[in-house]
N, C-alpha and C. Protein backbone atom coordinates (compact mmCIF):
# COMPACT_ATOMS: atom_id res chain seq x y z
N UNK A 1 26.76 -100.07 -31.27
CA UNK A 1 26.35 -100.62 -29.97
C UNK A 1 26.38 -102.15 -30.05
N UNK A 2 26.99 -102.81 -29.05
CA UNK A 2 27.05 -104.28 -29.09
C UNK A 2 25.67 -104.90 -28.93
N UNK A 3 25.50 -106.07 -29.55
CA UNK A 3 24.23 -106.80 -29.41
C UNK A 3 24.00 -107.20 -27.96
N UNK A 4 22.75 -107.14 -27.55
CA UNK A 4 22.38 -107.63 -26.23
C UNK A 4 22.76 -109.11 -26.11
N UNK A 5 23.38 -109.47 -25.00
CA UNK A 5 23.81 -110.85 -24.81
C UNK A 5 22.64 -111.75 -24.45
N UNK A 6 22.76 -113.01 -24.83
CA UNK A 6 21.74 -114.01 -24.51
C UNK A 6 22.33 -115.02 -23.53
N UNK A 7 21.70 -115.11 -22.38
CA UNK A 7 22.07 -116.09 -21.36
C UNK A 7 20.95 -117.13 -21.30
N UNK A 8 21.30 -118.39 -21.48
CA UNK A 8 20.29 -119.45 -21.47
C UNK A 8 20.30 -120.12 -20.10
N UNK A 9 19.14 -120.10 -19.45
CA UNK A 9 18.99 -120.65 -18.10
C UNK A 9 18.49 -122.08 -18.16
N UNK A 10 19.26 -122.99 -17.60
CA UNK A 10 18.88 -124.40 -17.57
C UNK A 10 18.27 -124.72 -16.20
N UNK A 11 16.99 -124.40 -16.07
CA UNK A 11 16.27 -124.60 -14.81
C UNK A 11 15.58 -125.95 -14.82
N UNK A 12 16.37 -127.00 -14.66
CA UNK A 12 15.86 -128.36 -14.67
C UNK A 12 16.64 -129.17 -13.66
N UNK A 13 16.25 -130.40 -13.44
CA UNK A 13 16.96 -131.22 -12.45
C UNK A 13 17.68 -132.41 -13.08
N UNK A 14 17.45 -132.67 -14.35
CA UNK A 14 18.08 -133.80 -15.02
C UNK A 14 19.42 -133.37 -15.62
N UNK A 15 20.49 -133.94 -15.11
CA UNK A 15 21.83 -133.56 -15.56
C UNK A 15 22.05 -133.87 -17.04
N UNK A 16 21.66 -135.06 -17.48
CA UNK A 16 21.91 -135.44 -18.88
C UNK A 16 21.20 -134.50 -19.84
N UNK A 17 19.96 -134.14 -19.51
CA UNK A 17 19.21 -133.20 -20.35
C UNK A 17 19.90 -131.85 -20.37
N UNK A 18 20.36 -131.39 -19.22
CA UNK A 18 21.03 -130.10 -19.13
C UNK A 18 22.31 -130.07 -19.94
N UNK A 19 23.07 -131.14 -19.91
CA UNK A 19 24.34 -131.18 -20.63
C UNK A 19 24.12 -131.19 -22.14
N UNK A 20 23.10 -131.91 -22.59
CA UNK A 20 22.79 -131.90 -24.02
C UNK A 20 22.37 -130.51 -24.48
N UNK A 21 21.57 -129.84 -23.66
CA UNK A 21 21.14 -128.49 -23.99
C UNK A 21 22.32 -127.52 -23.98
N UNK A 22 23.20 -127.69 -23.00
CA UNK A 22 24.36 -126.80 -22.91
C UNK A 22 25.21 -126.90 -24.17
N UNK A 23 25.42 -128.13 -24.65
CA UNK A 23 26.20 -128.32 -25.87
C UNK A 23 25.51 -127.67 -27.06
N UNK A 24 24.21 -127.86 -27.15
CA UNK A 24 23.43 -127.28 -28.25
C UNK A 24 23.48 -125.75 -28.22
N UNK A 25 23.40 -125.18 -27.02
CA UNK A 25 23.41 -123.72 -26.88
C UNK A 25 24.77 -123.13 -27.22
N UNK A 26 25.81 -123.86 -26.89
CA UNK A 26 27.16 -123.41 -27.25
C UNK A 26 27.31 -123.39 -28.78
N UNK A 27 26.88 -124.47 -29.40
CA UNK A 27 26.95 -124.56 -30.87
C UNK A 27 26.06 -123.52 -31.54
N UNK A 28 24.95 -123.17 -30.87
CA UNK A 28 24.00 -122.22 -31.46
C UNK A 28 24.37 -120.76 -31.29
N UNK A 29 25.39 -120.48 -30.47
CA UNK A 29 25.86 -119.10 -30.36
C UNK A 29 25.38 -118.31 -29.16
N UNK A 30 24.84 -118.98 -28.13
CA UNK A 30 24.48 -118.26 -26.90
C UNK A 30 25.74 -117.67 -26.28
N UNK A 31 25.59 -116.58 -25.56
CA UNK A 31 26.74 -115.91 -24.96
C UNK A 31 27.12 -116.48 -23.60
N UNK A 32 26.11 -116.85 -22.83
CA UNK A 32 26.34 -117.41 -21.49
C UNK A 32 25.39 -118.57 -21.26
N UNK A 33 25.83 -119.53 -20.47
CA UNK A 33 24.96 -120.63 -20.05
C UNK A 33 24.83 -120.58 -18.54
N UNK A 34 23.64 -120.87 -18.07
CA UNK A 34 23.38 -120.78 -16.63
C UNK A 34 23.02 -122.15 -16.07
N UNK A 35 23.80 -122.57 -15.09
CA UNK A 35 23.41 -123.73 -14.29
C UNK A 35 22.35 -123.22 -13.33
N UNK A 36 21.09 -123.54 -13.62
CA UNK A 36 19.98 -122.98 -12.85
C UNK A 36 19.93 -123.48 -11.42
N UNK A 37 19.20 -122.76 -10.59
CA UNK A 37 19.10 -123.12 -9.18
C UNK A 37 18.60 -124.55 -8.97
N UNK A 38 17.55 -125.01 -9.69
CA UNK A 38 17.11 -126.39 -9.49
C UNK A 38 18.20 -127.41 -9.85
N UNK A 39 18.96 -127.12 -10.90
CA UNK A 39 20.03 -128.04 -11.32
C UNK A 39 21.12 -128.10 -10.26
N UNK A 40 21.48 -126.95 -9.71
CA UNK A 40 22.50 -126.92 -8.66
C UNK A 40 22.01 -127.61 -7.40
N UNK A 41 20.75 -127.43 -7.05
CA UNK A 41 20.22 -128.09 -5.84
C UNK A 41 20.15 -129.59 -6.02
N UNK A 42 19.95 -130.03 -7.26
CA UNK A 42 19.87 -131.46 -7.52
C UNK A 42 21.24 -132.12 -7.59
N UNK A 43 22.23 -131.38 -8.10
CA UNK A 43 23.54 -132.01 -8.38
C UNK A 43 24.74 -131.27 -7.80
N UNK A 44 24.51 -130.18 -7.10
CA UNK A 44 25.62 -129.47 -6.49
C UNK A 44 26.58 -128.88 -7.51
N UNK A 45 27.82 -128.71 -7.08
CA UNK A 45 28.81 -128.06 -7.93
C UNK A 45 29.23 -128.93 -9.11
N UNK A 46 28.86 -130.20 -9.09
CA UNK A 46 29.15 -131.05 -10.24
C UNK A 46 28.45 -130.52 -11.49
N UNK A 47 27.27 -129.94 -11.30
CA UNK A 47 26.55 -129.35 -12.44
C UNK A 47 27.34 -128.21 -13.05
N UNK A 48 27.92 -127.38 -12.22
CA UNK A 48 28.71 -126.26 -12.71
C UNK A 48 29.97 -126.77 -13.41
N UNK A 49 30.65 -127.73 -12.79
CA UNK A 49 31.87 -128.29 -13.38
C UNK A 49 31.62 -128.86 -14.76
N UNK A 50 30.51 -129.58 -14.90
CA UNK A 50 30.21 -130.20 -16.20
C UNK A 50 29.88 -129.14 -17.25
N UNK A 51 29.19 -128.09 -16.84
CA UNK A 51 28.90 -126.99 -17.77
C UNK A 51 30.20 -126.34 -18.24
N UNK A 52 31.10 -126.12 -17.31
CA UNK A 52 32.38 -125.49 -17.64
C UNK A 52 33.15 -126.35 -18.65
N UNK A 53 33.13 -127.65 -18.48
CA UNK A 53 33.81 -128.55 -19.41
C UNK A 53 33.23 -128.42 -20.82
N UNK A 54 31.92 -128.35 -20.90
CA UNK A 54 31.25 -128.28 -22.21
C UNK A 54 31.45 -126.92 -22.86
N UNK A 55 31.47 -125.85 -22.05
CA UNK A 55 31.51 -124.51 -22.63
C UNK A 55 32.92 -124.03 -22.98
N UNK A 56 33.91 -124.74 -22.56
CA UNK A 56 35.29 -124.54 -23.04
C UNK A 56 35.73 -123.07 -23.07
N UNK A 57 35.63 -122.43 -21.92
CA UNK A 57 36.13 -121.05 -21.80
C UNK A 57 35.08 -119.97 -21.90
N UNK A 58 33.90 -120.29 -22.46
CA UNK A 58 32.82 -119.30 -22.48
C UNK A 58 32.20 -119.23 -21.08
N UNK A 59 31.61 -118.09 -20.70
CA UNK A 59 31.17 -117.90 -19.32
C UNK A 59 30.02 -118.80 -18.89
N UNK A 60 30.20 -119.40 -17.72
CA UNK A 60 29.15 -120.20 -17.09
C UNK A 60 28.67 -119.45 -15.85
N UNK A 61 27.35 -119.31 -15.72
CA UNK A 61 26.74 -118.64 -14.58
C UNK A 61 26.23 -119.69 -13.60
N UNK A 62 26.61 -119.54 -12.34
CA UNK A 62 26.09 -120.41 -11.28
C UNK A 62 24.99 -119.65 -10.56
N UNK A 63 23.75 -120.06 -10.78
CA UNK A 63 22.61 -119.33 -10.19
C UNK A 63 22.38 -119.82 -8.76
N UNK A 64 23.24 -119.35 -7.87
CA UNK A 64 23.20 -119.77 -6.47
C UNK A 64 22.10 -119.07 -5.68
N UNK A 65 21.76 -117.83 -6.10
CA UNK A 65 20.83 -116.98 -5.34
C UNK A 65 21.21 -116.96 -3.85
N UNK A 66 22.48 -116.79 -3.60
CA UNK A 66 23.00 -116.80 -2.23
C UNK A 66 22.30 -115.75 -1.37
N UNK A 67 21.90 -116.16 -0.17
CA UNK A 67 21.24 -115.24 0.77
C UNK A 67 22.09 -115.02 2.01
N UNK A 68 23.07 -115.93 2.23
CA UNK A 68 23.97 -115.83 3.38
C UNK A 68 25.24 -116.59 3.02
N UNK A 69 26.25 -116.47 3.86
CA UNK A 69 27.53 -117.17 3.64
C UNK A 69 28.09 -116.82 2.26
N UNK A 70 28.22 -115.53 2.00
CA UNK A 70 28.66 -115.06 0.69
C UNK A 70 30.02 -115.59 0.28
N UNK A 71 30.95 -115.61 1.22
CA UNK A 71 32.30 -116.08 0.89
C UNK A 71 32.29 -117.56 0.54
N UNK A 72 31.63 -118.36 1.37
CA UNK A 72 31.63 -119.82 1.19
C UNK A 72 30.96 -120.20 -0.13
N UNK A 73 29.76 -119.67 -0.38
CA UNK A 73 29.02 -120.08 -1.57
C UNK A 73 29.66 -119.54 -2.85
N UNK A 74 30.19 -118.34 -2.79
CA UNK A 74 30.89 -117.79 -3.95
C UNK A 74 32.11 -118.63 -4.27
N UNK A 75 32.84 -119.03 -3.25
CA UNK A 75 34.04 -119.83 -3.48
C UNK A 75 33.70 -121.20 -4.05
N UNK A 76 32.64 -121.81 -3.57
CA UNK A 76 32.22 -123.10 -4.11
C UNK A 76 32.00 -123.01 -5.62
N UNK A 77 31.25 -121.99 -6.03
CA UNK A 77 30.92 -121.84 -7.45
C UNK A 77 32.16 -121.49 -8.27
N UNK A 78 33.00 -120.61 -7.74
CA UNK A 78 34.18 -120.19 -8.50
C UNK A 78 35.20 -121.32 -8.62
N UNK A 79 35.34 -122.10 -7.59
CA UNK A 79 36.27 -123.23 -7.66
C UNK A 79 35.78 -124.27 -8.66
N UNK A 80 34.47 -124.32 -8.86
CA UNK A 80 33.91 -125.22 -9.87
C UNK A 80 34.06 -124.66 -11.28
N UNK A 81 34.46 -123.39 -11.38
CA UNK A 81 34.72 -122.80 -12.69
C UNK A 81 33.75 -121.74 -13.15
N UNK A 82 32.77 -121.41 -12.32
CA UNK A 82 31.80 -120.37 -12.72
C UNK A 82 32.50 -119.03 -12.87
N UNK A 83 32.07 -118.27 -13.86
CA UNK A 83 32.60 -116.93 -14.08
C UNK A 83 31.66 -115.84 -13.57
N UNK A 84 30.40 -116.22 -13.33
CA UNK A 84 29.43 -115.31 -12.72
C UNK A 84 28.64 -116.09 -11.67
N UNK A 85 28.50 -115.50 -10.49
CA UNK A 85 27.78 -116.13 -9.39
C UNK A 85 26.64 -115.20 -9.00
N UNK A 86 25.45 -115.74 -8.78
CA UNK A 86 24.33 -114.87 -8.39
C UNK A 86 24.12 -114.88 -6.88
N UNK A 87 23.75 -113.69 -6.40
CA UNK A 87 23.43 -113.47 -4.99
C UNK A 87 22.05 -112.82 -4.94
N UNK A 88 21.24 -113.18 -3.97
CA UNK A 88 19.92 -112.59 -3.84
C UNK A 88 20.01 -111.13 -3.41
N UNK A 89 19.14 -110.31 -4.00
CA UNK A 89 19.06 -108.92 -3.59
C UNK A 89 18.58 -108.75 -2.16
N UNK A 90 18.02 -109.81 -1.58
CA UNK A 90 17.59 -109.79 -0.18
C UNK A 90 18.75 -110.01 0.78
N UNK A 91 19.90 -110.40 0.27
CA UNK A 91 21.04 -110.68 1.14
C UNK A 91 21.55 -109.41 1.81
N UNK A 92 22.16 -109.59 2.96
CA UNK A 92 22.80 -108.49 3.66
C UNK A 92 23.93 -107.91 2.80
N UNK A 93 24.17 -106.62 2.94
CA UNK A 93 25.26 -106.00 2.18
C UNK A 93 26.60 -106.67 2.46
N UNK A 94 26.80 -107.13 3.68
CA UNK A 94 28.05 -107.81 4.02
C UNK A 94 28.19 -109.09 3.20
N UNK A 95 27.09 -109.81 3.03
CA UNK A 95 27.09 -111.04 2.23
C UNK A 95 27.49 -110.73 0.80
N UNK A 96 26.94 -109.65 0.24
CA UNK A 96 27.26 -109.28 -1.14
C UNK A 96 28.73 -108.89 -1.24
N UNK A 97 29.22 -108.12 -0.29
CA UNK A 97 30.63 -107.72 -0.30
C UNK A 97 31.55 -108.94 -0.27
N UNK A 98 31.22 -109.90 0.60
CA UNK A 98 32.05 -111.10 0.72
C UNK A 98 32.00 -111.93 -0.56
N UNK A 99 30.83 -112.02 -1.15
CA UNK A 99 30.71 -112.76 -2.41
C UNK A 99 31.53 -112.09 -3.50
N UNK A 100 31.47 -110.77 -3.56
CA UNK A 100 32.23 -110.01 -4.56
C UNK A 100 33.73 -110.18 -4.34
N UNK A 101 34.16 -110.00 -3.10
CA UNK A 101 35.59 -110.12 -2.78
C UNK A 101 36.12 -111.49 -3.18
N UNK A 102 35.36 -112.52 -2.86
CA UNK A 102 35.79 -113.89 -3.17
C UNK A 102 35.78 -114.14 -4.67
N UNK A 103 34.70 -113.74 -5.33
CA UNK A 103 34.61 -113.95 -6.78
C UNK A 103 35.77 -113.26 -7.50
N UNK A 104 36.05 -112.04 -7.12
CA UNK A 104 37.12 -111.29 -7.78
C UNK A 104 38.47 -111.97 -7.59
N UNK A 105 38.66 -112.63 -6.45
CA UNK A 105 39.93 -113.32 -6.21
C UNK A 105 40.10 -114.51 -7.16
N UNK A 106 39.01 -114.97 -7.74
CA UNK A 106 39.03 -116.06 -8.72
C UNK A 106 38.87 -115.55 -10.15
N UNK A 107 38.83 -114.24 -10.32
CA UNK A 107 38.62 -113.68 -11.65
C UNK A 107 37.18 -113.80 -12.12
N UNK A 108 36.25 -113.89 -11.18
CA UNK A 108 34.84 -114.04 -11.50
C UNK A 108 34.06 -112.80 -11.06
N UNK A 109 32.76 -112.77 -11.38
CA UNK A 109 31.91 -111.62 -11.12
C UNK A 109 30.65 -112.03 -10.36
N UNK A 110 29.98 -111.05 -9.77
CA UNK A 110 28.75 -111.30 -9.01
C UNK A 110 27.58 -110.55 -9.64
N UNK A 111 26.50 -111.28 -9.85
CA UNK A 111 25.24 -110.71 -10.32
C UNK A 111 24.24 -110.76 -9.18
N UNK A 112 23.65 -109.64 -8.85
CA UNK A 112 22.64 -109.61 -7.79
C UNK A 112 21.25 -109.70 -8.41
N UNK A 113 20.50 -110.70 -7.98
CA UNK A 113 19.16 -110.98 -8.51
C UNK A 113 18.11 -110.27 -7.66
N UNK A 114 17.32 -109.41 -8.30
CA UNK A 114 16.34 -108.60 -7.58
C UNK A 114 14.96 -109.24 -7.52
N UNK A 115 14.87 -110.55 -7.69
CA UNK A 115 13.58 -111.24 -7.64
C UNK A 115 12.86 -110.92 -6.33
N UNK A 116 11.61 -110.42 -6.46
CA UNK A 116 10.73 -110.09 -5.34
C UNK A 116 11.22 -108.94 -4.46
N UNK A 117 12.22 -108.19 -4.91
CA UNK A 117 12.63 -106.99 -4.18
C UNK A 117 11.65 -105.87 -4.54
N UNK A 118 11.07 -105.23 -3.53
CA UNK A 118 10.00 -104.27 -3.78
C UNK A 118 10.50 -102.97 -4.40
N UNK A 119 11.50 -102.34 -3.80
CA UNK A 119 12.03 -101.11 -4.37
C UNK A 119 13.30 -101.44 -5.14
N UNK A 120 13.11 -101.87 -6.37
CA UNK A 120 14.22 -102.41 -7.16
C UNK A 120 15.28 -101.36 -7.47
N UNK A 121 14.85 -100.14 -7.77
CA UNK A 121 15.83 -99.10 -8.12
C UNK A 121 16.70 -98.77 -6.91
N UNK A 122 16.08 -98.57 -5.77
CA UNK A 122 16.84 -98.26 -4.55
C UNK A 122 17.82 -99.38 -4.21
N UNK A 123 17.34 -100.61 -4.26
CA UNK A 123 18.21 -101.74 -3.90
C UNK A 123 19.32 -101.93 -4.93
N UNK A 124 19.00 -101.74 -6.20
CA UNK A 124 20.01 -101.88 -7.24
C UNK A 124 21.15 -100.89 -7.03
N UNK A 125 20.83 -99.67 -6.69
CA UNK A 125 21.87 -98.66 -6.45
C UNK A 125 22.69 -99.02 -5.21
N UNK A 126 22.03 -99.59 -4.21
CA UNK A 126 22.75 -100.02 -3.00
C UNK A 126 23.75 -101.12 -3.31
N UNK A 127 23.30 -102.14 -4.06
CA UNK A 127 24.21 -103.26 -4.33
C UNK A 127 25.32 -102.85 -5.28
N UNK A 128 25.03 -101.90 -6.16
CA UNK A 128 26.08 -101.36 -7.01
C UNK A 128 27.16 -100.70 -6.14
N UNK A 129 26.72 -99.98 -5.12
CA UNK A 129 27.67 -99.25 -4.27
C UNK A 129 28.53 -100.18 -3.42
N UNK A 130 28.07 -101.41 -3.19
CA UNK A 130 28.89 -102.34 -2.40
C UNK A 130 29.70 -103.29 -3.28
N UNK A 131 29.65 -103.09 -4.60
CA UNK A 131 30.57 -103.80 -5.47
C UNK A 131 30.00 -104.79 -6.45
N UNK A 132 28.68 -104.97 -6.49
CA UNK A 132 28.10 -105.91 -7.46
C UNK A 132 28.51 -105.53 -8.87
N UNK A 133 28.73 -106.54 -9.70
CA UNK A 133 29.16 -106.30 -11.08
C UNK A 133 27.99 -106.23 -12.06
N UNK A 134 26.89 -106.89 -11.71
CA UNK A 134 25.68 -106.92 -12.54
C UNK A 134 24.47 -106.88 -11.61
N UNK A 135 23.36 -106.41 -12.15
CA UNK A 135 22.07 -106.53 -11.48
C UNK A 135 21.13 -107.24 -12.45
N UNK A 136 20.28 -108.12 -11.91
CA UNK A 136 19.29 -108.81 -12.74
C UNK A 136 17.89 -108.53 -12.22
N UNK A 137 17.07 -107.93 -13.06
CA UNK A 137 15.65 -107.75 -12.75
C UNK A 137 14.93 -109.01 -13.20
N UNK A 138 14.18 -109.64 -12.30
CA UNK A 138 13.75 -111.02 -12.53
C UNK A 138 12.30 -111.22 -12.11
N UNK A 139 11.49 -111.68 -13.04
CA UNK A 139 10.14 -112.17 -12.73
C UNK A 139 10.23 -113.69 -12.63
N UNK A 140 9.95 -114.23 -11.46
CA UNK A 140 10.17 -115.65 -11.20
C UNK A 140 9.18 -116.58 -11.88
N UNK A 141 9.50 -117.87 -11.84
CA UNK A 141 8.67 -118.89 -12.48
C UNK A 141 7.25 -118.91 -11.93
N UNK A 142 7.12 -118.81 -10.62
CA UNK A 142 5.78 -118.87 -10.03
C UNK A 142 4.94 -117.65 -10.43
N UNK A 143 5.59 -116.50 -10.51
CA UNK A 143 4.88 -115.29 -10.96
C UNK A 143 4.47 -115.42 -12.42
N UNK A 144 5.30 -116.11 -13.21
CA UNK A 144 4.97 -116.30 -14.62
C UNK A 144 3.72 -117.16 -14.78
N UNK A 145 3.47 -118.02 -13.80
CA UNK A 145 2.27 -118.86 -13.85
C UNK A 145 1.01 -117.99 -13.76
N UNK A 146 1.16 -116.76 -13.27
CA UNK A 146 0.06 -115.81 -13.20
C UNK A 146 0.05 -114.89 -14.43
N UNK A 147 0.75 -115.36 -15.49
CA UNK A 147 0.80 -114.65 -16.78
C UNK A 147 1.55 -113.33 -16.68
N UNK A 148 2.50 -113.24 -15.77
CA UNK A 148 3.35 -112.06 -15.68
C UNK A 148 4.73 -112.40 -16.23
N UNK A 149 5.32 -111.46 -16.95
CA UNK A 149 6.68 -111.65 -17.45
C UNK A 149 7.47 -110.37 -17.22
N UNK A 150 8.77 -110.46 -17.44
CA UNK A 150 9.61 -109.28 -17.27
C UNK A 150 9.26 -108.20 -18.28
N UNK A 151 8.64 -108.58 -19.39
CA UNK A 151 8.23 -107.60 -20.40
C UNK A 151 7.11 -106.69 -19.90
N UNK A 152 6.50 -107.04 -18.76
CA UNK A 152 5.51 -106.16 -18.14
C UNK A 152 6.18 -105.06 -17.31
N UNK A 153 7.51 -105.10 -17.23
CA UNK A 153 8.26 -104.16 -16.38
C UNK A 153 9.21 -103.28 -17.18
N UNK A 154 8.81 -102.91 -18.40
CA UNK A 154 9.71 -102.14 -19.26
C UNK A 154 10.06 -100.78 -18.66
N UNK A 155 9.10 -100.13 -17.99
CA UNK A 155 9.39 -98.83 -17.38
C UNK A 155 10.44 -98.99 -16.27
N UNK A 156 10.35 -100.08 -15.53
CA UNK A 156 11.32 -100.31 -14.46
C UNK A 156 12.70 -100.62 -15.05
N UNK A 157 12.73 -101.37 -16.14
CA UNK A 157 14.01 -101.64 -16.82
C UNK A 157 14.63 -100.32 -17.28
N UNK A 158 13.81 -99.43 -17.83
CA UNK A 158 14.31 -98.13 -18.28
C UNK A 158 14.86 -97.32 -17.10
N UNK A 159 14.12 -97.35 -16.00
CA UNK A 159 14.56 -96.59 -14.83
C UNK A 159 15.89 -97.11 -14.30
N UNK A 160 16.01 -98.42 -14.23
CA UNK A 160 17.25 -99.03 -13.74
C UNK A 160 18.42 -98.75 -14.67
N UNK A 161 18.21 -98.95 -15.95
CA UNK A 161 19.31 -98.78 -16.90
C UNK A 161 19.78 -97.33 -16.97
N UNK A 162 18.88 -96.39 -16.68
CA UNK A 162 19.26 -94.98 -16.73
C UNK A 162 20.05 -94.55 -15.50
N UNK A 163 19.92 -95.30 -14.41
CA UNK A 163 20.57 -94.90 -13.16
C UNK A 163 21.82 -95.73 -12.83
N UNK A 164 21.87 -96.96 -13.31
CA UNK A 164 22.99 -97.84 -12.97
C UNK A 164 24.19 -97.59 -13.86
N UNK A 165 25.36 -97.76 -13.28
CA UNK A 165 26.60 -97.73 -14.06
C UNK A 165 27.02 -99.14 -14.45
N UNK A 166 26.52 -100.15 -13.74
CA UNK A 166 26.85 -101.54 -14.04
C UNK A 166 25.79 -102.12 -14.97
N UNK A 167 26.11 -103.21 -15.68
CA UNK A 167 25.15 -103.79 -16.63
C UNK A 167 23.90 -104.36 -15.96
N UNK A 168 22.81 -104.30 -16.70
CA UNK A 168 21.52 -104.81 -16.23
C UNK A 168 21.10 -106.02 -17.06
N UNK A 169 20.79 -107.11 -16.39
CA UNK A 169 20.20 -108.29 -17.03
C UNK A 169 18.71 -108.32 -16.72
N UNK A 170 17.95 -109.01 -17.55
CA UNK A 170 16.51 -109.15 -17.33
C UNK A 170 16.13 -110.60 -17.57
N UNK A 171 15.27 -111.13 -16.69
CA UNK A 171 14.89 -112.54 -16.76
C UNK A 171 13.43 -112.72 -16.41
N UNK A 172 12.83 -113.74 -17.04
CA UNK A 172 11.48 -114.10 -16.66
C UNK A 172 10.48 -114.00 -17.79
N UNK A 173 10.29 -115.09 -18.50
CA UNK A 173 9.29 -115.11 -19.56
C UNK A 173 9.75 -114.44 -20.85
N UNK A 174 11.05 -114.35 -21.07
CA UNK A 174 11.54 -113.73 -22.29
C UNK A 174 11.43 -114.71 -23.46
N UNK A 175 10.95 -114.20 -24.57
CA UNK A 175 10.76 -114.99 -25.79
C UNK A 175 11.34 -114.22 -26.98
N UNK A 176 11.31 -114.84 -28.15
CA UNK A 176 11.73 -114.13 -29.35
C UNK A 176 10.80 -112.96 -29.64
N UNK A 177 9.59 -113.03 -29.13
CA UNK A 177 8.61 -111.97 -29.38
C UNK A 177 8.79 -110.73 -28.53
N UNK A 178 9.38 -110.87 -27.35
CA UNK A 178 9.53 -109.69 -26.49
C UNK A 178 10.98 -109.33 -26.17
N UNK A 179 11.93 -110.14 -26.63
CA UNK A 179 13.34 -109.91 -26.31
C UNK A 179 13.81 -108.53 -26.76
N UNK A 180 13.38 -108.11 -27.95
CA UNK A 180 13.81 -106.82 -28.50
C UNK A 180 13.32 -105.67 -27.62
N UNK A 181 12.07 -105.75 -27.16
CA UNK A 181 11.53 -104.70 -26.31
C UNK A 181 12.32 -104.60 -25.00
N UNK A 182 12.65 -105.74 -24.44
CA UNK A 182 13.42 -105.77 -23.19
C UNK A 182 14.82 -105.18 -23.42
N UNK A 183 15.41 -105.54 -24.53
CA UNK A 183 16.72 -105.02 -24.89
C UNK A 183 16.68 -103.51 -25.09
N UNK A 184 15.70 -103.04 -25.84
CA UNK A 184 15.59 -101.60 -26.13
C UNK A 184 15.30 -100.79 -24.87
N UNK A 185 14.67 -101.42 -23.89
CA UNK A 185 14.40 -100.73 -22.62
C UNK A 185 15.67 -100.53 -21.80
N UNK A 186 16.72 -101.31 -22.13
CA UNK A 186 17.99 -101.08 -21.44
C UNK A 186 18.70 -102.30 -20.89
N UNK A 187 18.16 -103.50 -21.10
CA UNK A 187 18.83 -104.70 -20.61
C UNK A 187 20.00 -105.05 -21.53
N UNK A 188 21.17 -105.22 -20.96
CA UNK A 188 22.33 -105.59 -21.77
C UNK A 188 22.46 -107.10 -21.92
N UNK A 189 21.72 -107.84 -21.07
CA UNK A 189 21.66 -109.31 -21.18
C UNK A 189 20.22 -109.74 -20.98
N UNK A 190 19.72 -110.60 -21.86
CA UNK A 190 18.41 -111.21 -21.64
C UNK A 190 18.64 -112.67 -21.24
N UNK A 191 17.96 -113.06 -20.18
CA UNK A 191 18.08 -114.43 -19.68
C UNK A 191 16.86 -115.20 -20.15
N UNK A 192 17.08 -116.19 -20.99
CA UNK A 192 15.97 -116.93 -21.61
C UNK A 192 15.99 -118.36 -21.09
N UNK A 193 14.83 -118.81 -20.61
CA UNK A 193 14.73 -120.16 -20.08
C UNK A 193 13.82 -121.03 -20.90
N UNK A 194 12.57 -121.16 -20.47
CA UNK A 194 11.66 -122.15 -21.04
C UNK A 194 11.35 -121.94 -22.52
N UNK A 195 11.40 -120.71 -23.00
CA UNK A 195 11.15 -120.49 -24.43
C UNK A 195 12.12 -121.32 -25.26
N UNK A 196 13.34 -121.48 -24.76
CA UNK A 196 14.35 -122.29 -25.45
C UNK A 196 14.33 -123.73 -24.96
N UNK A 197 14.39 -123.91 -23.65
CA UNK A 197 14.60 -125.27 -23.11
C UNK A 197 13.41 -126.20 -23.31
N UNK A 198 12.20 -125.62 -23.45
CA UNK A 198 11.00 -126.44 -23.64
C UNK A 198 10.53 -126.43 -25.10
N UNK A 199 11.31 -125.83 -25.96
CA UNK A 199 10.94 -125.77 -27.38
C UNK A 199 11.15 -127.13 -28.05
N UNK A 200 10.38 -127.46 -29.09
CA UNK A 200 10.60 -128.70 -29.83
C UNK A 200 12.03 -128.81 -30.35
N UNK A 201 12.59 -127.67 -30.76
CA UNK A 201 13.99 -127.62 -31.21
C UNK A 201 14.64 -126.42 -30.53
N UNK A 202 15.34 -126.63 -29.40
CA UNK A 202 15.93 -125.53 -28.65
C UNK A 202 16.89 -124.67 -29.47
N UNK A 203 17.63 -125.30 -30.38
CA UNK A 203 18.60 -124.52 -31.17
C UNK A 203 17.88 -123.55 -32.10
N UNK A 204 16.75 -123.97 -32.65
CA UNK A 204 15.95 -123.08 -33.50
C UNK A 204 15.38 -121.94 -32.66
N UNK A 205 14.93 -122.25 -31.45
CA UNK A 205 14.39 -121.21 -30.56
C UNK A 205 15.46 -120.19 -30.22
N UNK A 206 16.67 -120.67 -29.94
CA UNK A 206 17.79 -119.75 -29.67
C UNK A 206 18.05 -118.87 -30.89
N UNK A 207 18.02 -119.47 -32.06
CA UNK A 207 18.25 -118.71 -33.29
C UNK A 207 17.22 -117.60 -33.45
N UNK A 208 15.98 -117.88 -33.09
CA UNK A 208 14.93 -116.87 -33.18
C UNK A 208 15.20 -115.70 -32.23
N UNK A 209 15.66 -116.00 -31.02
CA UNK A 209 15.98 -114.95 -30.06
C UNK A 209 17.15 -114.10 -30.56
N UNK A 210 18.19 -114.78 -31.05
CA UNK A 210 19.36 -114.06 -31.57
C UNK A 210 18.97 -113.17 -32.76
N UNK A 211 18.11 -113.70 -33.60
CA UNK A 211 17.67 -112.93 -34.77
C UNK A 211 16.86 -111.70 -34.33
N UNK A 212 16.03 -111.88 -33.32
CA UNK A 212 15.21 -110.77 -32.82
C UNK A 212 16.08 -109.65 -32.26
N UNK A 213 17.24 -110.00 -31.74
CA UNK A 213 18.13 -109.02 -31.12
C UNK A 213 19.14 -108.43 -32.08
N UNK A 214 19.21 -108.98 -33.28
CA UNK A 214 20.24 -108.53 -34.24
C UNK A 214 19.88 -107.19 -34.88
């Protein structure tokens, strides 16, 4: 069985800091790098373009969390070089279809983010049926401030992974201490943010996550 992939989320607004971290994560062996929503809102598609330059062919995720205008926003990210574009699970099915159609025309994929979606299993199956390539179960930053993490949702991860035919990612408060549990519950990708990006040595933190998953 292949190792669970590690996607590092750069949820910051400082471009120079993000680029240094992206380089470090590439050297450290992360599988995917994510231009986080705050970074994209601060710098637009330039953030994605710069990540693509640094990652030299490895996949860059544009965390757009698109809620409308699926074709337009997907095309923006794909033209900047993103290989995975995120769409909100709250988006209309038409929006998801348009994002998928556009991404595929660029050789890219769409991940639907289920942040704050109440019936995650039902919605995940719906977005799978309209063409989504990945689903991400996500506990957001504000929810994490209430001491909640995605590791509190292991039963839901198991339920999703048992029903979906497409890969499942998991995000929100993942650390070296809980990454293995999330992986064993069925996540094929763990999305790690602050555990790495706010660590004294991000490359060491990444190494700890990779070791936990090995």
